[in-house]
Protein backbone atom coordinates (compact mmCIF):
# COMPACT_ATOMS: atom_id res chain seq x y z
CA PRO A 1 -42.70 -10.52 9.77
CA ASP A 2 -40.86 -7.98 7.65
CA VAL A 3 -39.43 -5.33 10.00
CA GLN A 4 -37.60 -2.41 8.41
CA PHE A 5 -37.65 0.30 11.09
CA ILE A 6 -37.33 0.81 14.83
CA GLY A 7 -37.98 3.98 16.74
CA PHE A 8 -38.60 5.96 19.86
CA ASN A 9 -40.97 8.90 20.54
CA SER A 10 -43.18 7.91 17.57
CA GLN A 11 -40.32 8.32 15.09
CA LEU A 12 -39.03 5.45 12.97
CA SER A 13 -35.49 5.02 11.71
CA ARG A 14 -33.02 2.47 10.41
CA VAL A 15 -30.46 3.19 13.14
CA ALA A 16 -30.20 1.74 16.64
CA VAL A 17 -32.17 3.33 19.46
CA ARG A 18 -30.04 4.82 22.27
CA LEU A 19 -31.42 3.98 25.72
CA ASN A 20 -30.35 4.18 29.37
CA ALA A 21 -30.20 1.27 31.81
CA GLY A 22 -32.74 1.29 34.61
CA ARG A 23 -35.56 2.84 32.58
CA SER A 24 -38.62 1.78 30.60
CA TYR A 25 -39.48 2.99 27.11
CA SER A 26 -42.21 2.85 24.49
CA LEU A 27 -40.60 1.63 21.28
CA PHE A 28 -41.98 1.27 17.77
CA ILE A 29 -41.25 -1.12 14.93
CA GLY A 30 -42.41 -0.61 11.37
CA GLY A 31 -42.61 -2.85 8.36
CA SER A 32 -45.07 -4.95 6.44
CA ARG A 33 -47.30 -7.76 7.61
CA LEU A 34 -47.07 -6.68 11.28
CA ASP A 35 -50.12 -7.50 13.37
CA ALA A 36 -50.15 -7.03 17.15
CA GLU A 37 -52.37 -10.08 17.57
CA SER A 38 -50.07 -12.45 15.70
CA VAL A 39 -46.54 -11.62 16.88
CA ARG A 40 -44.45 -11.83 20.02
CA ILE A 41 -41.57 -9.42 20.63
CA GLY A 42 -38.70 -10.27 22.94
CA SER A 43 -35.07 -9.61 23.69
CA THR A 44 -32.12 -11.92 23.29
CA SER A 45 -30.86 -10.61 26.66
CA GLY A 46 -32.32 -11.49 30.04
CA LEU A 47 -31.63 -7.90 31.14
CA ILE A 48 -34.09 -6.42 28.66
CA SER A 49 -37.75 -7.39 28.80
CA VAL A 50 -40.81 -6.61 26.73
CA ALA A 51 -43.90 -6.13 28.89
CA ALA A 52 -46.48 -8.87 28.36
CA GLY A 53 -49.56 -7.55 26.61
CA SER A 54 -47.92 -4.25 25.66
CA ILE A 55 -47.83 -4.82 21.89
CA VAL A 56 -50.45 -2.65 20.18
CA GLU A 57 -51.06 -1.58 16.63
CA HIS A 58 -50.05 2.05 16.30
CA SER A 59 -50.92 2.56 12.65
CA ARG A 60 -51.42 0.61 9.47
CA ASP A 61 -51.76 1.35 5.80
CA GLU A 62 -51.06 -0.66 2.66
CA ASN A 63 -47.34 0.20 2.71
CA LEU A 64 -46.40 0.31 6.40
CA SER A 65 -47.71 -1.12 9.64
CA VAL A 66 -46.37 0.11 12.98
CA LEU A 67 -46.48 -1.62 16.36
CA ARG A 68 -45.77 -0.02 19.75
CA PHE A 69 -44.48 -1.96 22.76
CA GLU A 70 -43.01 -1.34 26.19
CA VAL A 71 -39.46 -2.40 26.99
CA ALA A 72 -37.71 -2.31 30.39
CA ILE A 73 -33.93 -2.12 30.72
CA ALA A 74 -32.57 -3.56 33.99
CA PRO A 75 -30.41 -1.15 36.03
CA GLU A 76 -27.42 -3.52 35.87
CA THR A 77 -27.46 -3.72 32.05
CA PRO A 78 -23.93 -2.90 30.84
CA PRO A 79 -23.39 -0.52 27.93
CA GLY A 80 -23.47 -2.23 24.55
CA ASP A 81 -25.65 -3.32 21.66
CA TYR A 82 -28.61 -5.63 22.19
CA SER A 83 -31.00 -7.42 19.86
CA LEU A 84 -34.76 -7.92 19.67
CA TYR A 85 -36.72 -10.65 17.95
CA ILE A 86 -40.18 -10.66 16.42
CA GLU A 87 -41.79 -14.09 16.31
CA ALA A 88 -44.88 -14.71 14.21
CA PHE A 89 -47.34 -17.16 15.75
CA GLY A 90 -47.84 -18.72 12.31
CA GLY A 91 -44.11 -19.38 11.99
CA GLY A 92 -40.99 -17.38 11.28
CA THR A 93 -38.76 -15.20 13.40
CA THR A 94 -37.00 -11.97 12.55
CA VAL A 95 -34.00 -10.93 14.65
CA LEU A 96 -33.14 -7.23 14.77
CA VAL A 97 -29.45 -7.43 15.59
CA GLY A 98 -28.02 -4.60 17.69
CA VAL A 99 -31.07 -2.32 17.45
CA LEU A 100 -30.87 -1.26 21.10
CA THR A 101 -27.76 0.57 22.22
CA ILE A 102 -27.48 0.93 25.99
CA GLU A 103 -25.30 3.92 26.81
CA GLU A 104 -24.37 6.00 29.79
CA PHE A 105 -25.36 9.44 28.54
CA LEU A 106 -27.22 12.35 30.02
CA ASN A 107 -30.56 12.58 28.28
CA PRO A 108 -31.12 16.33 27.76
CA TRP A 109 -34.91 15.87 28.01
CA ILE A 110 -34.90 14.08 31.38
CA ASN A 111 -35.32 17.31 33.40
CA TYR A 112 -37.03 19.40 30.74
CA SER A 113 -40.00 21.46 31.85
CA LEU A 114 -42.31 23.77 29.93
CA TYR A 115 -42.88 25.88 33.07
């Protein structure tokens, strides 16, 4: 698989995604030749897990395919950079080194309300 982007909140980027420990997130990867039925996504850390069966095709065109998946960060995960891998069932693995940055920061949207 050729992965070029990672993202959060339906936005793709080439920079690491900042996350908090103890939470779950919907993440996105974008690239070419990505098919939800033919890849497995995982973490190189036992403290970060990708939910089984959560990989779905978000969009696809001739230039970019996007997959969405659910990732859970254990509460005891220390701050730092973590990697994901994308394994194609037909062979080949892509490692996205340091694409998840676990930080202790106050997310300004955590208590946001429209009312």
